[in-house]
C-alpha atoms as a PDB file:
ATOM      1  CA  MET A   1      13.101  -1.071  14.132  1.00  0.00           C
ATOM      2  CA  ARG A   2      13.669   2.433  15.469  1.00  0.00           C
ATOM      3  CA  VAL A   3      17.223   3.765  15.489  1.00  0.00           C
ATOM      4  CA  LEU A   4      18.599   6.716  17.446  1.00  0.00           C
ATOM      5  CA  ALA A   5      22.200   7.883  17.543  1.00  0.00           C
ATOM      6  CA  ILE A   6      23.735   9.429  20.643  1.00  0.00           C
ATOM      7  CA  VAL A   7      26.637  11.664  19.616  1.00  0.00           C
ATOM      8  CA  GLY A   8      29.015  14.115  21.241  1.00  0.00           C
ATOM      9  CA  HIS A   9      32.598  15.056  21.829  1.00  0.00           C
ATOM     10  CA  HIS A  10      34.991  12.600  23.502  1.00  0.00           C
ATOM     11  CA  ASN A  11      34.159  12.157  27.214  1.00  0.00           C
ATOM     12  CA  SER A  12      30.922  14.122  26.917  1.00  0.00           C
ATOM     13  CA  GLY A  13      28.868  11.471  28.720  1.00  0.00           C
ATOM     14  CA  LYS A  14      27.394   9.491  25.812  1.00  0.00           C
ATOM     15  CA  THR A  15      27.859   6.098  27.448  1.00  0.00           C
ATOM     16  CA  SER A  16      26.549   7.367  30.792  1.00  0.00           C
ATOM     17  CA  LEU A  17      23.418   8.668  29.104  1.00  0.00           C
ATOM     18  CA  ILE A  18      22.885   5.362  27.281  1.00  0.00           C
ATOM     19  CA  GLU A  19      23.300   3.504  30.577  1.00  0.00           C
ATOM     20  CA  ARG A  20      20.397   5.543  31.997  1.00  0.00           C
ATOM     21  CA  LEU A  21      18.369   5.566  28.784  1.00  0.00           C
ATOM     22  CA  ILE A  22      18.245   1.771  28.366  1.00  0.00           C
ATOM     23  CA  PRO A  23      16.340   1.136  31.635  1.00  0.00           C
ATOM     24  CA  ALA A  24      14.083   4.166  30.964  1.00  0.00           C
ATOM     25  CA  LEU A  25      13.082   2.678  27.600  1.00  0.00           C
ATOM     26  CA  ARG A  26      12.776  -0.852  28.997  1.00  0.00           C
ATOM     27  CA  ALA A  27      10.462   0.490  31.728  1.00  0.00           C
ATOM     28  CA  ARG A  28       8.106   1.456  28.888  1.00  0.00           C
ATOM     29  CA  GLY A  29       8.049  -2.155  27.728  1.00  0.00           C
ATOM     30  CA  LEU A  30      10.486  -1.675  24.835  1.00  0.00           C
ATOM     31  CA  SER A  31      13.297  -3.995  23.822  1.00  0.00           C
ATOM     32  CA  VAL A  32      16.600  -2.159  23.348  1.00  0.00           C
ATOM     33  CA  SER A  33      19.892  -3.006  21.662  1.00  0.00           C
ATOM     34  CA  THR A  34      22.989  -0.901  21.175  1.00  0.00           C
ATOM     35  CA  LEU A  35      25.605  -0.475  18.477  1.00  0.00           C
ATOM     36  CA  LYS A  36      28.871   1.039  19.704  1.00  0.00           C
ATOM     37  CA  HIS A  37      31.511   2.285  17.289  1.00  0.00           C
ATOM     38  CA  THR A  38      35.087   2.424  18.477  1.00  0.00           C
ATOM     39  CA  HIS A  39      38.232   3.882  16.985  1.00  0.00           C
ATOM     40  CA  HIS A  40      40.384   1.097  18.422  1.00  0.00           C
ATOM     41  CA  LYS A  41      41.844  -0.970  15.602  1.00  0.00           C
ATOM     42  CA  ASN A  42      41.542  -4.268  17.459  1.00  0.00           C
ATOM     43  CA  PRO A  43      38.643  -4.112  19.911  1.00  0.00           C
ATOM     44  CA  SER A  44      38.905  -6.849  22.478  1.00  0.00           C
ATOM     45  CA  VAL A  45      35.875  -8.769  23.646  1.00  0.00           C
ATOM     46  CA  ASP A  46      37.931 -10.816  26.011  1.00  0.00           C
ATOM     47  CA  SER A  47      40.908 -10.157  28.232  1.00  0.00           C
ATOM     48  CA  ILE A  48      44.408 -10.114  26.823  1.00  0.00           C
ATOM     49  CA  GLY A  49      45.820 -13.622  26.652  1.00  0.00           C
ATOM     50  CA  LYS A  50      42.425 -15.341  26.869  1.00  0.00           C
ATOM     51  CA  ASP A  51      41.457 -17.942  24.285  1.00  0.00           C
ATOM     52  CA  SER A  52      39.158 -15.723  22.190  1.00  0.00           C
ATOM     53  CA  GLN A  53      41.849 -13.083  21.803  1.00  0.00           C
ATOM     54  CA  ARG A  54      44.418 -15.764  20.979  1.00  0.00           C
ATOM     55  CA  HIS A  55      42.094 -17.152  18.279  1.00  0.00           C
ATOM     56  CA  ALA A  56      41.713 -13.662  16.745  1.00  0.00           C
ATOM     57  CA  LEU A  57      45.433 -12.963  16.860  1.00  0.00           C
ATOM     58  CA  ALA A  58      46.084 -16.337  15.198  1.00  0.00           C
ATOM     59  CA  GLY A  59      44.073 -15.080  12.213  1.00  0.00           C
ATOM     60  CA  ALA A  60      40.529 -16.394  12.659  1.00  0.00           C
ATOM     61  CA  ASP A  61      38.079 -14.468  10.460  1.00  0.00           C
ATOM     62  CA  GLU A  62      35.403 -14.765  13.145  1.00  0.00           C
ATOM     63  CA  VAL A  63      35.582 -15.555  16.831  1.00  0.00           C
ATOM     64  CA  LEU A  64      32.356 -16.487  18.574  1.00  0.00           C
ATOM     65  CA  LEU A  65      32.683 -16.331  22.355  1.00  0.00           C
ATOM     66  CA  ALA A  66      29.770 -18.100  24.027  1.00  0.00           C
ATOM     67  CA  SER A  67      28.591 -18.748  27.564  1.00  0.00           C
ATOM     68  CA  ASP A  68      25.365 -20.250  28.888  1.00  0.00           C
ATOM     69  CA  GLU A  69      23.857 -16.749  29.105  1.00  0.00           C
ATOM     70  CA  SER A  70      25.224 -14.778  26.138  1.00  0.00           C
ATOM     71  CA  TRP A  71      27.539 -14.768  23.164  1.00  0.00           C
ATOM     72  CA  THR A  72      29.683 -12.257  21.311  1.00  0.00           C
ATOM     73  CA  LEU A  73      30.830 -12.406  17.712  1.00  0.00           C
ATOM     74  CA  LEU A  74      34.028 -10.704  16.628  1.00  0.00           C
ATOM     75  CA  ARG A  75      34.339 -10.601  12.833  1.00  0.00           C
ATOM     76  CA  HIS A  76      37.443  -9.330  11.077  1.00  0.00           C
ATOM     77  CA  SER A  77      37.060  -7.534   7.771  1.00  0.00           C
ATOM     78  CA  ARG A  78      39.312  -5.807   5.281  1.00  0.00           C
ATOM     79  CA  THR A  79      36.769  -3.014   4.847  1.00  0.00           C
ATOM     80  CA  PRO A  80      34.778  -1.200   7.514  1.00  0.00           C
ATOM     81  CA  ALA A  81      31.169  -2.294   7.896  1.00  0.00           C
ATOM     82  CA  SER A  82      28.566   0.424   7.523  1.00  0.00           C
ATOM     83  CA  PRO A  83      26.076   1.051  10.328  1.00  0.00           C
ATOM     84  CA  VAL A  84      23.350  -0.347   8.043  1.00  0.00           C
ATOM     85  CA  GLN A  85      25.294  -3.607   7.652  1.00  0.00           C
ATOM     86  CA  LEU A  86      25.911  -3.798  11.375  1.00  0.00           C
ATOM     87  CA  LEU A  87      22.256  -3.174  12.220  1.00  0.00           C
ATOM     88  CA  SER A  88      21.297  -6.084   9.955  1.00  0.00           C
ATOM     89  CA  GLU A  89      23.325  -8.351  12.259  1.00  0.00           C
ATOM     90  CA  LEU A  90      21.114  -7.515  15.245  1.00  0.00           C
ATOM     91  CA  ARG A  91      17.896  -9.347  15.960  1.00  0.00           C
ATOM     92  CA  ALA A  92      14.747  -7.267  15.736  1.00  0.00           C
ATOM     93  CA  VAL A  93      14.110  -5.022  18.743  1.00  0.00           C
ATOM     94  CA  ASP A  94      11.971  -1.954  19.329  1.00  0.00           C
ATOM     95  CA  ILE A  95      14.858   0.522  19.364  1.00  0.00           C
ATOM     96  CA  VAL A  96      18.612   0.494  18.729  1.00  0.00           C
ATOM     97  CA  LEU A  97      20.807   3.153  20.319  1.00  0.00           C
ATOM     98  CA  ILE A  98      23.963   3.911  18.339  1.00  0.00           C
ATOM     99  CA  GLU A  99      27.010   5.459  19.984  1.00  0.00           C
ATOM    100  CA  GLY A 100      30.210   6.631  18.366  1.00  0.00           C
ATOM    101  CA  TYR A 101      29.174   7.565  14.828  1.00  0.00           C
ATOM    102  CA  LYS A 102      28.997  11.369  14.701  1.00  0.00           C
ATOM    103  CA  ALA A 103      27.764  11.795  11.118  1.00  0.00           C
ATOM    104  CA  LEU A 104      24.750   9.604  10.417  1.00  0.00           C
ATOM    105  CA  ALA A 105      22.277  11.050   7.954  1.00  0.00           C
ATOM    106  CA  HIS A 106      19.817   8.147   8.083  1.00  0.00           C
ATOM    107  CA  TRP A 107      18.723   8.376  11.723  1.00  0.00           C
ATOM    108  CA  PRO A 108      17.937  11.082  14.255  1.00  0.00           C
ATOM    109  CA  ARG A 109      20.795  12.103  16.540  1.00  0.00           C
ATOM    110  CA  ILE A 110      20.804  13.529  20.050  1.00  0.00           C
ATOM    111  CA  GLU A 111      24.007  15.281  21.072  1.00  0.00           C
ATOM    112  CA  VAL A 112      25.275  14.997  24.633  1.00  0.00           C
ATOM    113  CA  TYR A 113      26.816  18.336  25.574  1.00  0.00           C
ATOM    114  CA  ARG A 114      27.867  19.314  29.086  1.00  0.00           C
ATOM    115  CA  GLY A 115      29.722  22.547  28.255  1.00  0.00           C
ATOM    116  CA  LEU A 116      32.748  21.519  30.316  1.00  0.00           C
ATOM    117  CA  THR A 117      35.308  22.458  27.658  1.00  0.00           C
ATOM    118  CA  ALA A 118      35.760  25.304  25.209  1.00  0.00           C
ATOM    119  CA  GLU A 119      34.490  23.067  22.398  1.00  0.00           C
ATOM    120  CA  ALA A 120      31.268  24.259  20.789  1.00  0.00           C
ATOM    121  CA  PRO A 121      28.400  21.794  20.506  1.00  0.00           C
ATOM    122  CA  LEU A 122      28.559  19.657  17.372  1.00  0.00           C
ATOM    123  CA  ALA A 123      25.042  20.887  16.606  1.00  0.00           C
ATOM    124  CA  ALA A 124      26.383  24.413  16.059  1.00  0.00           C
ATOM    125  CA  ALA A 125      27.951  23.208  12.794  1.00  0.00           C
ATOM    126  CA  ASP A 126      25.806  20.127  12.058  1.00  0.00           C
ATOM    127  CA  GLY A 127      22.205  20.871  11.156  1.00  0.00           C
ATOM    128  CA  GLY A 128      21.427  17.143  11.100  1.00  0.00           C
ATOM    129  CA  ILE A 129      21.521  16.853  14.883  1.00  0.00           C
ATOM    130  CA  ALA A 130      17.904  16.788  16.062  1.00  0.00           C
ATOM    131  CA  ALA A 131      18.357  17.693  19.729  1.00  0.00           C
ATOM    132  CA  VAL A 132      20.845  18.398  22.496  1.00  0.00           C
ATOM    133  CA  ALA A 133      20.824  16.719  25.895  1.00  0.00           C
ATOM    134  CA  CYS A 134      22.564  19.073  28.298  1.00  0.00           C
ATOM    135  CA  PRO A 135      22.388  20.176  31.931  1.00  0.00           C
ATOM    136  CA  ALA A 136      19.165  22.089  32.562  1.00  0.00           C
ATOM    137  CA  ASP A 137      21.039  25.200  33.735  1.00  0.00           C
ATOM    138  CA  LEU A 138      23.469  25.315  30.790  1.00  0.00           C
ATOM    139  CA  ASP A 139      22.981  28.411  28.628  1.00  0.00           C
ATOM    140  CA  ILE A 140      23.698  27.422  25.026  1.00  0.00           C
ATOM    141  CA  LYS A 141      22.637  29.423  22.006  1.00  0.00           C
ATOM    142  CA  LEU A 142      21.200  26.977  19.481  1.00  0.00           C
ATOM    143  CA  PRO A 143      17.944  28.565  18.288  1.00  0.00           C
ATOM    144  CA  GLY A 144      15.284  26.182  17.058  1.00  0.00           C
ATOM    145  CA  LEU A 145      17.062  23.076  18.309  1.00  0.00           C
ATOM    146  CA  ARG A 146      15.235  20.829  20.769  1.00  0.00           C
ATOM    147  CA  ARG A 147      16.779  20.580  24.223  1.00  0.00           C
ATOM    148  CA  VAL A 148      16.325  18.029  26.951  1.00  0.00           C
ATOM    149  CA  ASP A 149      17.731  17.828  30.473  1.00  0.00           C
ATOM    150  CA  LEU A 150      20.675  15.436  30.358  1.00  0.00           C
ATOM    151  CA  ASP A 151      19.938  14.282  33.919  1.00  0.00           C
ATOM    152  CA  ASP A 152      16.289  13.370  33.195  1.00  0.00           C
ATOM    153  CA  ALA A 153      16.441   9.922  31.577  1.00  0.00           C
ATOM    154  CA  ALA A 154      12.633   9.720  31.314  1.00  0.00           C
ATOM    155  CA  ALA A 155      12.538  13.012  29.374  1.00  0.00           C
ATOM    156  CA  VAL A 156      15.358  11.833  27.095  1.00  0.00           C
ATOM    157  CA  ALA A 157      13.443   8.571  26.510  1.00  0.00           C
ATOM    158  CA  THR A 158      10.317  10.535  25.584  1.00  0.00           C
ATOM    159  CA  LEU A 159      12.300  12.694  23.157  1.00  0.00           C
ATOM    160  CA  ALA A 160      14.018   9.606  21.706  1.00  0.00           C
ATOM    161  CA  LEU A 161      10.645   8.032  20.949  1.00  0.00           C
ATOM    162  CA  GLU A 162       9.307  11.280  19.455  1.00  0.00           C
ATOM    163  CA  LEU A 163      12.342  11.636  17.186  1.00  0.00           C
ATOM    164  CA  THR A 164      12.286   8.013  16.055  1.00  0.00           C
ATOM    165  CA  ASN A 165       8.520   8.163  15.439  1.00  0.00           C
ATOM    166  CA  GLU A 166       9.013  11.285  13.314  1.00  0.00           C
ATOM    167  CA  ALA A 167      11.834   9.615  11.373  1.00  0.00           C
ATOM    168  CA  THR A 168       9.716   6.514  10.794  1.00  0.00           C
ATOM    169  CA  SER A 169       6.795   8.643   9.583  1.00  0.00           C
ATOM    170  CA  ARG A 170       9.039  10.481   7.107  1.00  0.00           C
ATOM    171  CA  HIS A 171      10.342   7.192   5.686  1.00  0.00           C
ATOM    172  CA  LEU A 172       6.831   5.761   5.272  1.00  0.00           C
ATOM    173  CA  LYS A 173       5.432   8.732   3.336  1.00  0.00           C
ATOM    174  CA  THR A 174       5.408   8.395  -0.414  1.00  0.00           C
ATOM    175  CA  PRO A 175       6.538  11.350  -2.563  1.00  0.00           C
END
């Protein structure tokens, strides 16, 4: 299973990019899942006051919310689950897109950077970021770092597959 992390500052457009990237990857015949990290202490999968939230607030260790078309599992834990643990909960797909974990050493990361604030790109201080998705006309000085047009989902999909293929090749080589 290929894994790619989409990272960036708060409100940089990570979710918007993933929303465009999923159909671009699916158009290539790939199955896609996502793993989204949140800083909210009690993420809600159901509306406030609904049964699933009431079950969780009553102390259930796990709440499985099911319909005829899908289901969601909310599991409470005393310790945070690692991304590796969380990925093991997903069924096998061609590629998993991770959002919300800025520092992942195991998988390639593409940073979303629009240059709308005074904040420097994360990649300026984090050599582990493999590429930056930014507006085509944005002038950023990150020598040697791959760039892709943030508004070109097909180009981002191509880069995502290149990066995950490279990562897979590195892991398969023996020392």
